[in-house]
Amino acid sequence: MKCSDILTGQLISKEHITQIRAQFQMAMICRDGMDLQDGAGNRALNFHMAIQAARDAKLPKDVLKRFCRAMMDARVAGKEDQ
């Protein structure tokens, strides 16, 4: 599983991705202001923020579970590629 696989709308609907993205972007702006902290040093923090954004988006439980599992799988796959 790759992050791009999550964003294509194949795993969960593009509508749900849009809801998560809106929550995530708002959290990033609240945390960082306009100087976004998106570098490698913040990767773990941003990963957890994406998971929290999905929870905050109040998605159906099955969708949330699929998203979180896919994020965890993508994270593990990314570490194996390094």
C-alpha atoms as a PDB file:
ATOM      1  CA  MET A   1       0.000   0.000   0.000  1.00  0.00           C
ATOM      2  CA  LYS A   2       1.301   3.436  -0.956  1.00  0.00           C
ATOM      3  CA  CYS A   3      -0.019   6.837   0.136  1.00  0.00           C
ATOM      4  CA  SER A   4      -1.074   7.493  -3.456  1.00  0.00           C
ATOM      5  CA  ASP A   5      -3.274   4.371  -3.299  1.00  0.00           C
ATOM      6  CA  ILE A   6      -5.149   5.955  -0.405  1.00  0.00           C
ATOM      7  CA  LEU A   7      -5.714   9.235  -2.233  1.00  0.00           C
ATOM      8  CA  THR A   8      -7.016   7.788  -5.522  1.00  0.00           C
ATOM      9  CA  GLY A   9     -10.483   7.078  -4.167  1.00  0.00           C
ATOM     10  CA  GLN A  10     -10.135   3.317  -4.591  1.00  0.00           C
ATOM     11  CA  LEU A  11      -9.920   2.561  -0.891  1.00  0.00           C
ATOM     12  CA  ILE A  12     -12.405   5.134   0.371  1.00  0.00           C
ATOM     13  CA  SER A  13     -14.502   7.602  -1.584  1.00  0.00           C
ATOM     14  CA  LYS A  14     -13.066  10.866  -2.833  1.00  0.00           C
ATOM     15  CA  GLU A  15     -15.741  12.607  -0.757  1.00  0.00           C
ATOM     16  CA  HIS A  16     -14.272  11.085   2.407  1.00  0.00           C
ATOM     17  CA  ILE A  17     -10.744  12.006   1.278  1.00  0.00           C
ATOM     18  CA  THR A  18     -11.959  15.595   0.817  1.00  0.00           C
ATOM     19  CA  GLN A  19     -13.385  15.619   4.352  1.00  0.00           C
ATOM     20  CA  ILE A  20     -10.132  14.302   5.815  1.00  0.00           C
ATOM     21  CA  ARG A  21      -8.067  16.751   3.776  1.00  0.00           C
ATOM     22  CA  ALA A  22     -10.126  19.717   5.026  1.00  0.00           C
ATOM     23  CA  GLN A  23      -9.637  18.661   8.650  1.00  0.00           C
ATOM     24  CA  PHE A  24      -5.938  18.005   8.109  1.00  0.00           C
ATOM     25  CA  GLN A  25      -5.298  21.333   6.402  1.00  0.00           C
ATOM     26  CA  MET A  26      -7.064  23.252   9.155  1.00  0.00           C
ATOM     27  CA  ALA A  27      -5.029  21.422  11.812  1.00  0.00           C
ATOM     28  CA  MET A  28      -1.783  22.154   9.938  1.00  0.00           C
ATOM     29  CA  ILE A  29      -2.594  25.857   9.653  1.00  0.00           C
ATOM     30  CA  CYS A  30      -3.571  26.031  13.325  1.00  0.00           C
ATOM     31  CA  ARG A  31      -0.344  24.311  14.346  1.00  0.00           C
ATOM     32  CA  ASP A  32       2.111  25.947  11.939  1.00  0.00           C
ATOM     33  CA  GLY A  33       0.536  29.128  10.609  1.00  0.00           C
ATOM     34  CA  MET A  34       1.555  29.795   7.028  1.00  0.00           C
ATOM     35  CA  ASP A  35       5.040  28.265   7.500  1.00  0.00           C
ATOM     36  CA  LEU A  36       3.992  24.613   7.209  1.00  0.00           C
ATOM     37  CA  GLN A  37       6.187  22.028   8.906  1.00  0.00           C
ATOM     38  CA  ASP A  38       6.088  19.319   6.242  1.00  0.00           C
ATOM     39  CA  GLY A  39       9.695  18.151   6.217  1.00  0.00           C
ATOM     40  CA  ALA A  40      11.087  14.770   7.159  1.00  0.00           C
ATOM     41  CA  GLY A  41      11.579  15.856  10.768  1.00  0.00           C
ATOM     42  CA  ASN A  42       7.812  16.270  11.166  1.00  0.00           C
ATOM     43  CA  ARG A  43       6.771  13.137   9.281  1.00  0.00           C
ATOM     44  CA  ALA A  44       5.648  11.175  12.362  1.00  0.00           C
ATOM     45  CA  LEU A  45       3.742  14.141  13.784  1.00  0.00           C
ATOM     46  CA  ASN A  46       2.022  14.758  10.443  1.00  0.00           C
ATOM     47  CA  PHE A  47       1.160  11.060  10.146  1.00  0.00           C
ATOM     48  CA  HIS A  48      -0.615  11.144  13.496  1.00  0.00           C
ATOM     49  CA  MET A  49      -2.298  14.414  12.563  1.00  0.00           C
ATOM     50  CA  ALA A  50      -3.723  12.734   9.436  1.00  0.00           C
ATOM     51  CA  ILE A  51      -5.143   9.919  11.568  1.00  0.00           C
ATOM     52  CA  GLN A  52      -6.653  12.473  13.957  1.00  0.00           C
ATOM     53  CA  ALA A  53      -8.066  14.448  11.027  1.00  0.00           C
ATOM     54  CA  ALA A  54      -9.877  11.310   9.848  1.00  0.00           C
ATOM     55  CA  ARG A  55     -11.350  10.887  13.328  1.00  0.00           C
ATOM     56  CA  ASP A  56     -12.360  14.551  13.446  1.00  0.00           C
ATOM     57  CA  ALA A  57     -14.053  14.239  10.045  1.00  0.00           C
ATOM     58  CA  LYS A  58     -16.605  11.957  11.738  1.00  0.00           C
ATOM     59  CA  LEU A  59     -16.442   9.334   9.007  1.00  0.00           C
ATOM     60  CA  PRO A  60     -18.441   6.127   9.246  1.00  0.00           C
ATOM     61  CA  LYS A  61     -16.597   3.622  11.451  1.00  0.00           C
ATOM     62  CA  ASP A  62     -15.888   1.198   8.610  1.00  0.00           C
ATOM     63  CA  VAL A  63     -14.404   3.982   6.466  1.00  0.00           C
ATOM     64  CA  LEU A  64     -12.302   5.278   9.358  1.00  0.00           C
ATOM     65  CA  LYS A  65     -11.016   1.784  10.055  1.00  0.00           C
ATOM     66  CA  ARG A  66     -10.052   1.210   6.383  1.00  0.00           C
ATOM     67  CA  PHE A  67      -8.333   4.596   6.201  1.00  0.00           C
ATOM     68  CA  CYS A  68      -6.350   4.091   9.414  1.00  0.00           C
ATOM     69  CA  ARG A  69      -5.301   0.565   8.391  1.00  0.00           C
ATOM     70  CA  ALA A  70      -4.207   1.808   4.958  1.00  0.00           C
ATOM     71  CA  MET A  71      -2.222   4.643   6.543  1.00  0.00           C
ATOM     72  CA  MET A  72      -0.465   2.197   8.870  1.00  0.00           C
ATOM     73  CA  ASP A  73       0.287  -0.162   5.969  1.00  0.00           C
ATOM     74  CA  ALA A  74       1.629   2.722   3.856  1.00  0.00           C
ATOM     75  CA  ARG A  75       3.816   3.882   6.721  1.00  0.00           C
ATOM     76  CA  VAL A  76       5.313   0.418   7.160  1.00  0.00           C
ATOM     77  CA  ALA A  77       5.828   0.057   3.392  1.00  0.00           C
ATOM     78  CA  GLY A  78       7.540   3.467   3.304  1.00  0.00           C
ATOM     79  CA  LYS A  79       9.947   2.447   6.047  1.00  0.00           C
ATOM     80  CA  GLU A  80      10.775  -0.778   4.228  1.00  0.00           C
ATOM     81  CA  ASP A  81      11.594   1.192   1.055  1.00  0.00           C
ATOM     82  CA  GLN A  82      14.231   3.282   2.864  1.00  0.00           C
END
